[in-house]
Amino acid sequence: MDPAPPINIFGVPKGDVIPHGLNTPVGSVMALLGLLFIYREIKSS
């Protein structure tokens, strides 16, 4: 199994914007921030 698929969660080809080695950690952080933002929006409504 390939531990790093060519497409990340946001559908951006790997290494397109962020260097290959940083792609996964940055993607994970962005996903967590996105979830946190959505959670806060739901909670405040």
Protein backbone atom coordinates (compact mmCIF):
# COMPACT_ATOMS: atom_id res chain seq x y z
CA MET A 1 0.00 0.00 0.00
CA ASP A 2 1.25 3.48 -0.81
CA PRO A 3 1.29 5.45 2.49
CA ALA A 4 1.11 8.73 0.57
CA PRO A 5 -1.55 8.81 -2.16
CA PRO A 6 -0.88 11.19 -5.08
CA ILE A 7 -3.95 13.25 -4.19
CA ASN A 8 -4.42 14.73 -0.70
CA ILE A 9 -7.74 15.39 1.07
CA PHE A 10 -8.25 18.69 -0.69
CA GLY A 11 -7.90 17.09 -4.12
CA VAL A 12 -4.67 18.99 -4.83
CA PRO A 13 -1.97 16.94 -6.56
CA LYS A 14 0.88 16.20 -4.17
CA GLY A 15 3.70 18.71 -4.27
CA ASP A 16 1.69 21.13 -6.40
CA VAL A 17 1.78 23.97 -3.88
CA ILE A 18 3.73 22.55 -0.94
CA PRO A 19 7.03 20.64 -1.24
CA HIS A 20 6.56 16.86 -1.26
CA GLY A 21 7.94 16.24 2.23
CA LEU A 22 5.69 18.83 3.89
CA ASN A 23 2.50 17.86 2.08
CA THR A 24 1.09 15.38 4.62
CA PRO A 25 1.74 17.30 7.89
CA VAL A 26 0.49 20.59 6.44
CA GLY A 27 -2.57 18.88 4.97
CA SER A 28 -3.35 17.28 8.34
CA VAL A 29 -3.06 20.61 10.16
CA MET A 30 -5.26 22.35 7.59
CA ALA A 31 -7.87 19.58 7.88
CA LEU A 32 -7.89 19.89 11.68
CA LEU A 33 -8.26 23.67 11.50
CA GLY A 34 -11.10 23.26 9.01
CA LEU A 35 -12.91 20.81 11.27
CA LEU A 36 -12.41 23.08 14.27
CA PHE A 37 -13.86 26.03 12.32
CA ILE A 38 -16.89 24.01 11.20
CA TYR A 39 -17.42 22.73 14.76
CA ARG A 40 -17.37 26.27 16.14
CA GLU A 41 -19.80 27.47 13.46
CA ILE A 42 -22.26 24.67 14.29
CA LYS A 43 -21.90 25.25 18.03
CA SER A 44 -22.48 29.01 17.83
CA SER A 45 -25.57 28.79 15.59
